[in-house]
Protein backbone atom coordinates (compact mmCIF):
# COMPACT_ATOMS: atom_id res chain seq x y z
CA MET A 1 37.73 -62.37 63.12
CA ILE A 2 40.45 -62.76 65.77
CA ARG A 3 40.25 -59.05 66.56
CA LYS A 4 36.46 -59.28 66.97
CA LYS A 5 36.83 -62.30 69.25
CA LEU A 6 39.40 -60.48 71.38
CA ARG A 7 37.09 -57.46 71.62
CA ILE A 8 34.18 -59.62 72.73
CA ASN A 9 36.35 -61.39 75.28
CA ARG A 10 37.62 -58.08 76.65
CA GLU A 11 34.10 -56.73 77.04
CA THR A 12 32.98 -59.96 78.69
CA VAL A 13 35.86 -59.82 81.14
CA LEU A 14 35.07 -56.18 81.98
CA LEU A 15 31.39 -56.99 82.50
CA LEU A 16 32.27 -59.92 84.77
CA ALA A 17 34.57 -57.61 86.74
CA VAL A 18 31.77 -55.08 87.23
CA LEU A 19 29.29 -57.79 88.22
CA THR A 20 31.75 -59.35 90.66
CA ALA A 21 32.56 -56.01 92.27
CA SER A 22 28.84 -55.18 92.49
CA LEU A 23 28.14 -58.52 94.15
CA GLY A 24 31.00 -58.05 96.60
CA MET A 25 29.84 -54.59 97.63
CA ARG A 26 26.33 -55.85 98.25
CA ILE A 27 27.36 -58.98 100.14
CA LEU A 28 29.66 -57.23 102.61
CA PRO A 29 26.91 -55.34 104.52
CA VAL A 30 24.25 -58.05 104.10
CA ALA A 31 24.47 -59.16 107.75
CA SER A 32 24.31 -55.63 109.21
CA ASP A 33 22.28 -55.30 112.44
CA LEU A 34 21.33 -58.98 112.50
CA PRO A 35 19.80 -60.72 114.43
CA TYR A 36 17.86 -57.45 114.51
CA PHE A 37 17.11 -55.38 111.40
CA SER A 38 17.58 -52.00 109.79
CA SER A 39 14.06 -51.39 108.49
CA LEU A 40 10.59 -52.16 109.83
CA ASP A 41 9.55 -53.14 106.31
CA GLU A 42 12.11 -55.95 106.38
CA ALA A 43 10.31 -57.60 109.29
CA THR A 44 6.97 -57.03 107.55
CA TYR A 45 8.04 -58.89 104.41
CA VAL A 46 9.73 -61.75 106.29
CA GLU A 47 6.89 -62.30 108.75
CA THR A 48 4.27 -62.07 105.99
CA ALA A 49 6.12 -64.86 104.18
CA LEU A 50 6.18 -66.95 107.36
CA ARG A 51 2.47 -66.29 107.89
CA PHE A 52 1.78 -67.71 104.42
CA GLY A 53 3.30 -70.93 105.74
CA THR A 54 0.53 -71.18 108.34
CA GLY A 55 -2.11 -71.18 105.61
CA THR A 56 -3.04 -67.52 106.12
CA PHE A 57 -2.64 -65.99 102.66
CA LYS A 58 -4.77 -62.93 103.30
CA LEU A 59 -2.72 -59.76 103.77
CA SER A 60 -3.20 -57.61 106.85
CA SER A 61 -2.51 -54.58 104.66
CA TYR A 62 -2.21 -53.90 100.94
CA LEU A 63 0.30 -51.07 101.32
CA HIS A 64 2.96 -53.46 100.00
CA GLY A 65 2.81 -55.87 97.09
CA ALA A 66 2.63 -59.60 97.77
CA LEU A 67 5.06 -61.06 95.22
CA TYR A 68 8.26 -60.60 97.24
CA PRO A 69 6.91 -62.28 100.40
CA GLN A 70 5.52 -65.07 98.19
CA VAL A 71 9.00 -65.65 96.78
CA LEU A 72 10.35 -65.67 100.33
CA PHE A 73 7.62 -68.15 101.30
CA LEU A 74 8.90 -70.54 98.62
CA GLU A 75 12.47 -70.07 99.85
CA TYR A 76 11.43 -70.68 103.45
CA ALA A 77 9.46 -73.76 102.40
CA ALA A 78 12.60 -75.16 100.77
CA TYR A 79 14.60 -74.22 103.88
CA PHE A 80 12.06 -76.03 106.07
CA VAL A 81 12.13 -79.19 103.94
CA LEU A 82 15.93 -79.22 103.94
CA GLY A 83 16.06 -78.52 107.68
CA ARG A 84 13.59 -81.29 108.39
CA MET A 85 15.67 -83.74 106.35
CA LEU A 86 18.73 -82.73 108.37
CA GLY A 87 16.88 -82.96 111.68
CA LEU A 88 16.92 -79.22 112.40
CA PHE A 89 13.13 -78.88 112.55
CA SER A 90 10.64 -81.54 113.60
CA SER A 91 7.52 -79.44 112.92
CA SER A 92 6.34 -76.10 111.58
CA THR A 93 6.20 -74.84 115.16
CA ASP A 94 9.91 -75.64 115.57
CA PHE A 95 10.54 -73.71 112.37
CA LEU A 96 8.75 -70.61 113.67
CA LEU A 97 10.46 -70.90 117.05
CA ALA A 98 13.82 -70.98 115.26
CA TYR A 99 12.88 -67.67 113.63
CA ILE A 100 11.84 -66.15 116.95
CA LYS A 101 14.99 -67.29 118.74
CA ASP A 102 17.40 -66.13 116.03
CA PRO A 103 15.98 -64.77 112.76
CA THR A 104 19.41 -64.29 111.18
CA SER A 105 19.15 -67.12 108.63
CA PHE A 106 15.66 -65.99 107.57
CA PHE A 107 16.75 -62.40 107.02
CA LEU A 108 19.90 -63.52 105.22
CA LEU A 109 17.82 -65.56 102.76
CA ALA A 110 15.60 -62.55 102.11
CA ARG A 111 18.54 -60.16 101.81
CA VAL A 112 20.53 -62.42 99.50
CA THR A 113 17.46 -62.51 97.24
CA ALA A 114 17.61 -58.70 97.05
CA VAL A 115 21.38 -58.86 96.47
CA LEU A 116 20.97 -61.22 93.52
CA CYS A 117 18.22 -59.03 92.07
CA GLY A 118 20.50 -56.00 92.48
CA VAL A 119 23.29 -57.71 90.56
CA GLY A 120 20.69 -58.84 88.02
CA VAL A 121 19.70 -55.20 87.52
CA VAL A 122 23.35 -54.36 86.76
CA TRP A 123 23.46 -57.14 84.16
CA LEU A 124 20.14 -56.14 82.59
CA SER A 125 21.25 -52.50 82.34
CA HIS A 126 24.22 -53.75 80.34
CA ALA A 127 22.06 -56.05 78.20
CA ILE A 128 19.48 -53.38 77.35
CA ALA A 129 21.98 -50.59 76.66
CA SER A 130 24.17 -52.91 74.57
CA ARG A 131 21.21 -53.98 72.48
CA VAL A 132 19.64 -50.57 71.83
CA TYR A 133 22.82 -48.48 71.62
CA HIS A 134 26.26 -50.14 71.72
CA PRO A 135 28.22 -52.62 73.90
CA ARG A 136 30.34 -49.68 75.11
CA VAL A 137 27.19 -48.01 76.40
CA GLY A 138 26.21 -51.28 78.07
CA LEU A 139 29.46 -51.44 80.04
CA VAL A 140 29.16 -47.81 81.12
CA ALA A 141 25.52 -48.40 82.15
CA SER A 142 26.55 -51.41 84.24
CA LEU A 143 29.21 -49.28 85.92
CA PHE A 144 26.71 -46.55 86.81
CA THR A 145 24.07 -49.02 87.98
CA GLY A 146 26.48 -51.15 89.97
CA PHE A 147 28.08 -48.41 92.03
CA SER A 148 25.62 -45.50 92.38
CA LEU A 149 24.46 -44.92 95.95
CA LEU A 150 20.76 -44.93 95.12
CA MET A 151 21.00 -48.38 93.53
CA PHE A 152 23.41 -49.74 96.12
CA GLN A 153 21.48 -48.68 99.23
CA MET A 154 18.48 -50.88 98.37
CA SER A 155 20.45 -53.92 97.22
CA PHE A 156 21.36 -55.53 100.54
CA LEU A 157 18.17 -55.28 102.60
CA ALA A 158 15.13 -57.56 102.61
CA LEU A 159 12.95 -55.12 100.67
CA ALA A 160 10.95 -55.43 97.45
CA ASP A 161 12.46 -52.49 95.57
CA MET A 162 15.30 -54.30 93.79
CA PRO A 163 13.22 -57.36 92.85
CA ALA A 164 10.65 -54.99 91.31
CA VAL A 165 13.30 -53.12 89.29
CA PHE A 166 14.79 -56.44 88.18
CA LEU A 167 11.42 -57.62 86.83
CA LEU A 168 10.79 -54.25 85.19
CA LEU A 169 14.13 -54.27 83.37
CA MET A 170 13.64 -57.89 82.34
CA ALA A 171 10.31 -56.83 80.85
CA THR A 172 12.03 -53.94 79.07
CA TYR A 173 14.69 -56.25 77.66
CA LEU A 174 12.02 -58.59 76.27
CA ALA A 175 10.11 -55.59 74.89
CA VAL A 176 13.26 -54.54 73.04
CA ARG A 177 13.62 -58.05 71.62
CA SER A 178 9.98 -57.92 70.58
CA VAL A 179 10.38 -54.58 68.76
CA GLU A 180 13.33 -56.05 66.85
CA GLN A 181 10.97 -58.75 65.50
CA PRO A 182 7.70 -57.00 64.51
CA LYS A 183 5.82 -60.25 63.76
CA GLU A 184 6.87 -61.95 67.01
CA ARG A 185 4.45 -61.82 69.96
CA ARG A 186 5.84 -64.24 72.54
CA PHE A 187 8.45 -61.80 73.78
CA TYR A 188 5.82 -59.07 74.01
CA CYS A 189 3.40 -61.22 76.01
CA ALA A 190 6.20 -62.32 78.34
CA ALA A 191 7.23 -58.68 78.81
CA ALA A 192 3.63 -57.75 79.66
CA ALA A 193 3.36 -60.56 82.21
CA LEU A 194 6.63 -59.41 83.82
CA VAL A 195 5.31 -55.85 84.12
CA GLY A 196 2.33 -57.30 86.00
CA LEU A 197 4.66 -59.25 88.27
CA ALA A 198 6.79 -56.15 88.85
CA ALA A 199 3.66 -54.22 89.86
CA ALA A 200 2.72 -57.03 92.25
CA CYS A 201 6.15 -56.60 93.80
CA LYS A 202 6.14 -52.79 94.01
CA TYR A 203 3.07 -51.01 92.73
CA HIS A 204 4.75 -48.10 90.97
CA ALA A 205 6.73 -50.51 88.76
CA GLY A 206 3.38 -50.93 87.02
CA PHE A 207 4.14 -47.75 85.08
CA GLY A 208 6.01 -50.16 82.83
CA VAL A 209 2.73 -50.37 80.90
CA VAL A 210 3.77 -47.06 79.31
CA THR A 211 6.95 -48.65 77.96
CA LEU A 212 4.88 -51.61 76.75
CA THR A 213 2.52 -49.26 74.94
CA VAL A 214 5.40 -47.48 73.20
CA ALA A 215 6.88 -50.85 72.24
CA ALA A 216 3.52 -51.95 70.79
CA PHE A 217 3.33 -48.77 68.72
CA MET A 218 6.84 -49.39 67.36
CA LYS A 219 6.03 -53.00 66.49
CA CYS A 220 2.99 -51.91 64.50
CA ALA A 221 4.53 -48.82 62.86
CA ASP A 222 5.07 -50.54 59.50
CA HIS A 223 1.99 -52.77 59.63
CA GLU A 224 -0.48 -52.48 56.77
CA HIS A 225 -3.35 -51.95 59.22
CA ARG A 226 -1.37 -50.09 61.85
CA THR A 227 -4.19 -48.87 64.09
CA ARG A 228 -6.02 -52.19 64.23
CA ALA A 229 -2.77 -54.11 64.84
CA PHE A 230 -1.81 -51.71 67.62
CA VAL A 231 -5.19 -52.05 69.34
CA HIS A 232 -5.05 -55.85 69.15
CA LEU A 233 -1.51 -55.93 70.55
CA ALA A 234 -2.32 -53.42 73.30
CA VAL A 235 -5.35 -55.47 74.39
CA LEU A 236 -3.27 -58.66 74.36
CA GLY A 237 -0.58 -56.95 76.43
CA SER A 238 -3.15 -55.64 78.91
CA VAL A 239 -4.49 -59.15 79.43
CA PHE A 240 -1.03 -60.48 80.21
CA VAL A 241 -0.28 -57.55 82.54
CA VAL A 242 -3.43 -58.35 84.53
CA VAL A 243 -2.60 -62.06 84.54
CA GLY A 244 0.93 -61.33 85.75
CA PHE A 245 -0.37 -59.06 88.50
CA CYS A 246 -2.95 -61.61 89.67
CA VAL A 247 -0.35 -64.40 89.70
CA GLY A 248 1.99 -62.23 91.75
CA MET A 249 -0.77 -60.93 94.00
CA PRO A 250 -3.72 -63.33 94.11
CA GLN A 251 -4.91 -61.64 97.31
CA PHE A 252 -6.14 -58.82 95.09
CA LEU A 253 -8.83 -61.15 93.74
CA LEU A 254 -9.92 -62.13 97.25
CA ASP A 255 -10.51 -58.60 98.53
CA PRO A 256 -10.30 -55.91 95.79
CA ALA A 257 -12.11 -53.33 97.94
CA ALA A 258 -9.46 -53.53 100.67
CA PHE A 259 -6.73 -53.32 98.03
CA TYR A 260 -8.09 -50.15 96.45
CA GLY A 261 -8.78 -48.62 99.85
CA ASP A 262 -5.22 -49.15 101.11
CA VAL A 263 -3.54 -48.05 97.88
CA PHE A 264 -5.55 -44.85 97.44
CA HIS A 265 -5.16 -44.02 101.12
CA ARG A 266 -1.39 -44.34 100.70
CA LEU A 267 -1.33 -42.14 97.62
CA SER A 268 -3.54 -39.42 99.09
CA GLY A 269 -2.39 -39.40 102.71
CA ALA A 270 0.70 -38.10 104.48
CA TYR A 271 3.41 -40.56 105.40
CA ILE A 272 7.01 -40.47 106.54
CA GLY A 273 9.11 -38.63 103.95
CA ASN A 274 6.16 -37.11 102.11
CA ASN A 275 6.47 -33.51 103.28
CA PRO A 276 3.65 -31.43 101.79
CA ASP A 277 5.57 -28.19 102.44
CA ARG A 278 8.22 -28.87 99.80
CA ASN A 279 7.96 -28.59 96.02
CA ALA A 280 8.01 -32.24 94.97
CA TRP A 281 8.68 -31.38 91.32
CA LEU A 282 11.97 -29.66 92.18
CA PHE A 283 12.84 -31.80 95.19
CA LEU A 284 13.62 -34.67 92.83
CA PHE A 285 16.46 -32.70 91.24
CA THR A 286 17.70 -30.63 94.17
CA HIS A 287 17.78 -33.47 96.70
CA HIS A 288 16.90 -37.00 95.61
CA LEU A 289 19.02 -37.24 92.46
CA ARG A 290 21.74 -34.93 93.74
CA ASN A 291 22.22 -37.02 96.86
CA GLY A 292 21.44 -40.44 95.44
CA LEU A 293 23.57 -40.17 92.29
CA GLY A 294 26.00 -37.37 93.07
CA ILE A 295 26.10 -34.14 91.07
CA PRO A 296 28.25 -35.43 88.15
CA LEU A 297 26.08 -38.50 87.54
CA GLU A 298 22.88 -36.50 88.01
CA LEU A 299 24.06 -34.04 85.36
CA ALA A 300 25.00 -36.90 83.03
CA SER A 301 21.53 -38.41 83.53
CA LEU A 302 19.72 -35.16 82.81
CA LEU A 303 21.94 -34.39 79.81
CA GLY A 304 21.33 -37.92 78.59
CA LEU A 305 17.60 -37.27 78.94
CA GLY A 306 17.94 -34.10 76.87
CA PHE A 307 20.16 -35.83 74.32
CA ALA A 308 17.53 -38.54 73.85
CA LEU A 309 14.80 -35.92 73.43
CA TYR A 310 16.95 -34.20 70.80
CA ASN A 311 17.67 -37.39 68.82
CA ARG A 312 14.26 -39.03 69.24
CA SER A 313 15.25 -42.37 67.77
CA LYS A 314 12.87 -45.24 68.43
CA TRP A 315 15.15 -46.58 71.17
CA ASP A 316 15.45 -43.11 72.70
CA LEU A 317 11.67 -42.88 72.89
CA LEU A 318 11.45 -46.33 74.46
CA MET A 319 14.05 -45.44 77.13
CA LEU A 320 12.38 -42.07 77.76
CA SER A 321 8.86 -43.44 78.13
CA PHE A 322 9.10 -44.78 81.67
CA PRO A 323 10.94 -41.93 83.47
CA PHE A 324 8.98 -39.23 81.61
CA PHE A 325 5.50 -40.51 82.48
CA PHE A 326 6.62 -41.72 85.90
CA TYR A 327 7.68 -38.16 86.71
CA LEU A 328 4.48 -36.60 85.38
CA LEU A 329 2.03 -39.07 86.92
CA PHE A 330 3.68 -40.13 90.15
CA MET A 331 5.93 -37.29 91.27
CA ARG A 332 3.48 -35.78 93.74
CA SER A 333 3.27 -39.05 95.65
CA LEU A 334 7.01 -39.63 96.01
CA GLY A 335 8.42 -39.45 99.51
CA PHE A 336 11.90 -40.93 99.43
CA ALA A 337 14.72 -41.16 96.94
CA TYR A 338 14.43 -44.93 96.64
CA HIS A 339 10.87 -44.57 95.31
CA LEU A 340 12.59 -43.31 92.14
CA LEU A 341 14.55 -46.51 91.54
CA PRO A 342 12.49 -47.78 88.57
CA ALA A 343 12.95 -44.46 86.75
CA VAL A 344 16.60 -44.11 87.76
CA ALA A 345 17.40 -47.45 86.11
CA PHE A 346 16.43 -45.89 82.76
CA LEU A 347 18.14 -42.57 83.52
CA LEU A 348 21.44 -44.35 84.12
CA ILE A 349 21.21 -46.03 80.71
CA LEU A 350 20.62 -42.61 79.13
CA ALA A 351 23.55 -41.20 81.14
CA ALA A 352 25.78 -43.98 79.79
CA ARG A 353 24.64 -43.25 76.25
CA PHE A 354 25.46 -39.53 76.71
CA VAL A 355 28.94 -40.24 78.13
CA ASP A 356 29.74 -42.49 75.16
CA ALA A 357 28.41 -39.87 72.72
CA VAL A 358 30.66 -37.20 74.28
CA VAL A 359 33.71 -39.44 73.83
CA GLU A 360 32.72 -40.23 70.25
CA LYS A 361 32.29 -36.52 69.50
CA LEU A 362 35.63 -35.52 71.03
CA ARG A 363 37.65 -38.35 69.48
CA GLY A 364 35.80 -38.66 66.21
CA ARG A 365 35.15 -42.34 66.91
CA GLY A 366 34.02 -44.56 69.74
CA SER A 367 36.55 -45.73 72.31
CA LEU A 368 35.79 -48.24 75.06
CA GLY A 369 38.76 -47.16 77.16
CA ALA A 370 37.93 -43.46 76.92
CA SER A 371 34.24 -44.05 77.66
CA LEU A 372 35.05 -46.13 80.73
CA PHE A 373 37.56 -43.53 81.93
CA LEU A 374 35.03 -40.69 81.62
CA ALA A 375 32.37 -42.89 83.25
CA ALA A 376 34.71 -43.61 86.16
CA VAL A 377 35.28 -39.88 86.65
CA VAL A 378 31.53 -39.21 86.61
CA ALA A 379 30.72 -42.11 88.95
CA THR A 380 33.56 -41.63 91.47
CA PRO A 381 31.63 -39.36 93.92
CA THR A 382 28.62 -41.69 94.15
CA PHE A 383 30.89 -44.75 94.28
CA LEU A 384 32.72 -43.28 97.28
CA ASP A 385 29.34 -42.58 98.91
CA SER A 386 28.42 -46.24 98.39
CA VAL A 387 31.70 -47.39 99.94
CA ARG A 388 31.11 -45.13 102.93
CA LEU A 389 27.56 -46.42 103.36
CA MET A 390 28.92 -49.96 103.26
CA GLN A 391 31.36 -49.02 106.04
CA VAL A 392 28.57 -47.35 108.01
CA MET A 393 26.31 -50.39 107.84
CA ARG A 394 29.10 -52.72 108.95
CA SER A 395 29.90 -50.63 112.05
CA PRO A 396 28.45 -51.28 115.54
CA SER A 397 25.04 -49.78 116.29
CA THR A 398 24.25 -47.74 119.39
CA LYS A 399 20.95 -49.63 119.66
CA THR A 400 22.70 -52.91 120.44
CA MET A 401 25.30 -51.09 122.56
CA ALA A 402 22.47 -49.59 124.65
CA LYS A 403 20.84 -53.02 124.98
CA THR A 404 24.07 -54.43 126.42
CA TRP A 405 24.44 -51.51 128.87
CA ILE A 406 20.84 -51.77 130.10
CA GLU A 407 21.08 -55.52 130.67
CA GLY A 408 24.21 -54.98 132.74
CA HIS A 409 22.95 -52.07 134.87
CA ILE A 410 19.14 -52.21 135.19
CA PRO A 411 17.59 -55.18 137.03
CA GLY A 412 15.37 -57.55 135.07
CA GLY A 413 11.64 -57.01 135.40
CA ALA A 414 11.99 -53.23 135.77
CA THR A 415 9.41 -51.05 134.04
CA ILE A 416 10.88 -48.93 131.25
CA MET A 417 9.04 -46.48 129.03
CA ALA A 418 10.92 -46.55 125.73
CA GLU A 419 10.32 -44.47 122.62
CA GLY A 420 11.16 -45.42 119.06
CA TYR A 421 8.59 -48.19 118.64
CA VAL A 422 6.43 -48.60 115.54
CA PHE A 423 3.75 -51.30 115.84
CA ALA A 424 5.54 -52.79 118.87
CA VAL A 425 8.86 -53.02 116.96
CA PRO A 426 11.92 -51.06 118.21
CA THR A 427 12.95 -49.20 115.05
CA SER A 428 14.89 -46.43 116.82
CA GLY A 429 15.81 -47.85 120.22
CA PRO A 430 17.45 -50.86 121.88
CA PRO A 431 15.83 -54.25 121.09
CA LEU A 432 15.17 -55.30 124.68
CA VAL A 433 13.61 -58.60 125.73
CA GLU A 434 10.00 -58.15 126.86
CA THR A 435 8.30 -59.64 129.90
CA ARG A 436 5.15 -61.71 129.54
CA SER A 437 2.94 -58.74 130.41
CA THR A 438 4.59 -56.69 127.66
CA LEU A 439 3.92 -59.44 125.12
CA GLU A 440 0.29 -59.62 126.21
CA ARG A 441 -0.07 -55.88 125.56
CA ASP A 442 1.65 -56.35 122.19
CA ILE A 443 -0.79 -59.08 121.15
CA ALA A 444 -3.79 -56.91 122.01
CA PHE A 445 -2.29 -53.96 120.13
CA ILE A 446 -1.42 -56.01 117.03
CA ILE A 447 -4.88 -57.61 116.81
CA GLU A 448 -6.49 -54.19 117.25
CA ASN A 449 -4.48 -53.00 114.23
CA LYS A 450 -5.62 -55.87 111.94
CA GLY A 451 -2.64 -58.14 112.63
CA THR A 452 -2.84 -61.78 113.67
CA GLY A 453 -0.49 -61.58 116.67
CA ARG A 454 0.61 -65.14 115.88
CA THR A 455 4.33 -64.53 116.36
CA ALA A 456 3.85 -62.72 119.67
CA THR A 457 1.43 -65.43 120.81
CA LEU A 458 3.97 -68.12 119.97
CA ARG A 459 6.66 -66.20 121.83
CA LEU A 460 4.40 -66.03 124.86
CA ALA A 461 3.54 -69.74 124.72
CA HIS A 462 7.22 -70.78 124.60
CA TYR A 463 8.54 -67.92 126.70
CA ASP A 464 10.71 -69.96 129.11
CA ASP A 465 12.42 -71.81 126.25
CA LEU A 466 13.20 -68.61 124.36
CA TYR A 467 14.20 -65.98 126.90
CA ASP A 468 16.17 -65.37 130.06
CA ASN A 469 13.59 -63.81 132.36
CA ALA A 470 16.37 -62.14 134.37
CA ARG A 471 17.11 -59.94 131.34
CA ALA A 472 13.50 -59.15 130.40
CA TYR A 473 11.81 -55.81 131.01
CA ASP A 474 8.26 -54.54 131.34
CA ILE A 475 8.42 -52.15 128.40
CA LEU A 476 5.86 -49.39 127.92
CA LYS A 477 6.29 -49.00 124.15
CA VAL A 478 5.62 -45.57 122.65
CA PRO A 479 6.50 -43.96 119.30
CA PHE A 480 7.87 -40.93 121.16
CA LEU A 481 7.96 -39.85 124.79
CA ASP A 482 4.98 -37.76 125.82
CA SER A 483 4.63 -35.71 129.01
CA GLU A 484 1.07 -36.91 129.62
CA ALA A 485 2.03 -40.59 129.37
CA ILE A 486 5.06 -40.10 131.63
CA THR A 487 2.94 -38.35 134.27
CA ARG A 488 0.23 -41.00 134.06
CA ASP A 489 2.44 -44.11 134.21
CA ARG A 490 5.35 -42.73 136.31
CA PRO A 491 7.84 -45.27 134.89
CA PRO A 492 11.03 -45.77 136.94
CA TYR A 493 13.14 -45.65 133.76
CA LEU A 494 12.94 -43.88 130.41
CA ILE A 495 14.74 -44.50 127.13
CA MET A 496 15.05 -41.53 124.78
CA THR A 497 16.47 -41.69 121.25
CA SER A 498 17.83 -38.72 119.30
CA ASP A 499 16.08 -39.99 116.17
CA LYS A 500 13.01 -38.23 117.49
CA ASP A 501 14.89 -34.90 117.57
CA ARG A 502 15.46 -34.86 113.82
CA SER A 503 13.52 -34.31 110.62
CA ALA A 504 12.47 -37.94 110.45
CA GLY A 505 10.94 -37.54 113.89
CA LYS A 506 9.12 -34.41 112.79
CA GLU A 507 7.63 -36.17 109.79
CA LEU A 508 6.68 -39.15 111.93
CA ALA A 509 4.97 -36.79 114.33
CA GLY A 510 2.95 -35.41 111.44
CA LEU A 511 1.93 -38.92 110.54
CA LEU A 512 0.71 -39.46 114.08
CA MET A 513 -1.46 -36.34 113.87
CA MET A 514 0.44 -34.20 116.37
CA THR A 515 -0.46 -30.54 116.10
CA GLY A 516 1.68 -27.47 116.63
CA ASP A 517 5.45 -27.19 116.37
CA TYR A 518 7.05 -30.56 117.02
CA GLY A 519 10.41 -29.04 117.97
CA GLU A 520 8.89 -26.92 120.73
CA LYS A 521 6.87 -29.87 122.08
CA ARG A 522 9.94 -32.05 122.03
CA GLU A 523 11.94 -29.54 124.07
CA ALA A 524 9.07 -29.18 126.54
CA VAL A 525 9.03 -32.97 127.04
CA LYS A 526 12.78 -32.98 127.62
CA GLU A 527 12.52 -30.16 130.15
CA GLY A 528 9.83 -32.04 132.07
CA ILE A 529 11.99 -35.17 132.10
CA ARG A 530 14.99 -33.25 133.44
CA ARG A 531 12.94 -32.03 136.41
CA ARG A 532 11.99 -35.57 137.49
CA TYR A 533 14.69 -37.88 136.12
CA ASP A 534 18.47 -38.24 136.28
CA VAL A 535 20.61 -39.41 133.38
CA LEU A 536 21.94 -42.90 134.02
CA ALA A 537 23.84 -43.29 130.76
CA THR A 538 24.21 -41.76 127.32
CA ILE A 539 25.28 -44.02 124.46
CA ALA A 540 26.47 -41.67 121.74
CA PRO A 541 27.66 -42.76 118.29
CA THR A 542 30.65 -41.56 116.35
CA VAL A 543 28.16 -40.62 113.62
CA ALA A 544 24.48 -40.04 114.40
CA PHE A 545 23.10 -42.04 111.49
CA THR A 546 19.31 -42.15 111.49
CA ALA A 547 17.39 -45.28 112.35
CA PHE A 548 15.05 -44.47 109.46
CA PHE A 549 17.45 -46.01 106.97
CA PRO A 550 16.88 -46.50 104.09
CA HIS A 551 14.66 -43.39 104.27
CA LEU A 552 17.76 -41.26 103.78
CA MET A 553 17.28 -37.58 104.59
CA ASP A 554 19.60 -34.73 103.60
CA GLU A 555 21.46 -34.82 106.90
CA ASP A 556 22.10 -38.54 106.51
CA TYR A 557 23.82 -38.03 103.17
CA ARG A 558 26.05 -35.40 104.75
CA LEU A 559 26.92 -37.79 107.57
CA ILE A 560 27.77 -40.54 105.09
CA ARG A 561 30.13 -38.21 103.25
CA ASN A 562 31.92 -37.33 106.49
CA TRP A 563 32.55 -40.99 107.28
CA PRO A 564 36.18 -42.03 106.63
CA LEU A 565 36.59 -44.52 103.82
CA PHE A 566 38.76 -46.75 105.99
CA SER A 567 37.94 -46.67 109.69
CA ARG A 568 37.76 -48.94 112.71
CA GLY A 569 36.17 -48.54 116.10
CA ARG A 570 33.48 -46.14 114.89
CA SER A 571 29.82 -46.57 115.81
CA ARG A 572 26.64 -45.28 114.19
CA GLY A 573 23.03 -44.79 115.13
CA PRO A 574 21.03 -42.45 117.34
CA THR A 575 22.19 -41.10 120.68
CA ILE A 576 20.31 -43.14 123.29
CA THR A 577 19.79 -41.68 126.76
CA ILE A 578 18.68 -43.81 129.73
CA TRP A 579 16.96 -41.92 132.56
CA GLU A 580 16.09 -43.00 136.13
CA ARG A 581 13.26 -41.44 138.10
CA ARG A 582 14.64 -39.23 140.86
CA SER A 583 11.97 -40.25 143.37
CA ARG A 584 13.46 -43.75 143.55
CA HIS A 585 16.18 -42.25 145.75
CA GLY A 586 13.66 -40.51 147.91
């Protein structure tokens, strides 16, 4: 009894150590780039949540689920109530102006939510693996989930991926509990509702219905009227999935036609990262898993998959169900490695099971110490990648460095044509302050593209209270510099970012329907600029890390691996070049 208690205490201490280390790794880079941001989607989620606070619950687009911004809306509502009690905000307008002036606290709330979900995923991986296999497997699974690059990279940004995986694994855990008690239905209904909520957070998490179906079959396997019991349970589960989805995304009920239109357009159309020239079936193994997990952990995951197929126990089939059907049904629509996160969560559990089985085979019995040692060896490459990414994200960005240089050397009010903008947001270039005329153009553009323009309108209405006009610029915002636009507008200054020289830029160009070879067109634009403009400054990073994070491309992974584990004074980001029109000097 004492020995069992000591064993339980030791495992609990080890789990707490893994959870604490996972939390620490995710908290350290949580303030990176603020008061600006690392991903356009971050601003989309945060501003959608703020828009809910104005009474506008209709979505401008259904490309993203609504559950995460609804959770943020509740958090912001609590923040507003607390701030009003403390005298920080006197009205909802003050609250929005606080966001416009310095959005740091709003982004931190959203990012900490993702951090907590990321740590929750680590805990759930342990809970599921411990329940279906062995507590040793649970600890190894928590180690893999806590420190693999693919899981880590999405756990400190204000994005919906980790909350969706958290809900999916919580549903899986309850499904396991339900299978253990064939006559019990509450766990199963709760699991079904959570799958619906997960889908409302990130649509592809809805493939959890496959795992639910397998769980229903297992529950009814020994039933006297197996087929009828299975049909009844499947129908009941379907009802709760739909209810969960509608609770998490009530906007679907308001405009189902717009929902289906946006979702099917996204699945069938080209978008950044979805390169139709590559073999998506193989790309998963040769790039996404290799880079996101590291070769040793990828091999362990695939061998774990094969080991589960060989054994085919009921728990093996349950763990296999999601990644197997996810791969078959969704692979052609995957663009980036992080789209795989729901499936990877299951693969890492299978990898942990395989590592423990290898130790048990070699030693003739299970050994927690040996399993953790082998797991540490397997996970070391991806853990070091995660540490390097953490260092990268905490380093200064060339975008803010360029902003500082421009404000110190180019007079306020000057007209600048700057590339790197997506929907009026500077994703690849310096986040400069706009003049009133720039904001007016932004409002017209946003409304034309189905947005409300409320934030930009509020910025314009309170312009003098928010900005120093001496450091504002008339910005001609473009996704990428174009010879025709430069010739037409003859801007005195240009801002060019090297992000548009790389593969991400090429894919973005495809999205924007450019024809012909992008590389050749890009060089032609540069040559035309050199004939009419002089270089004022070049802000080059130590490491040219793409602004399309977290859309990590192959070259980005290589750059991460070349980053020293312990370094100071290094910068990251695109190379930003500021040009001045030669005619200004006569």
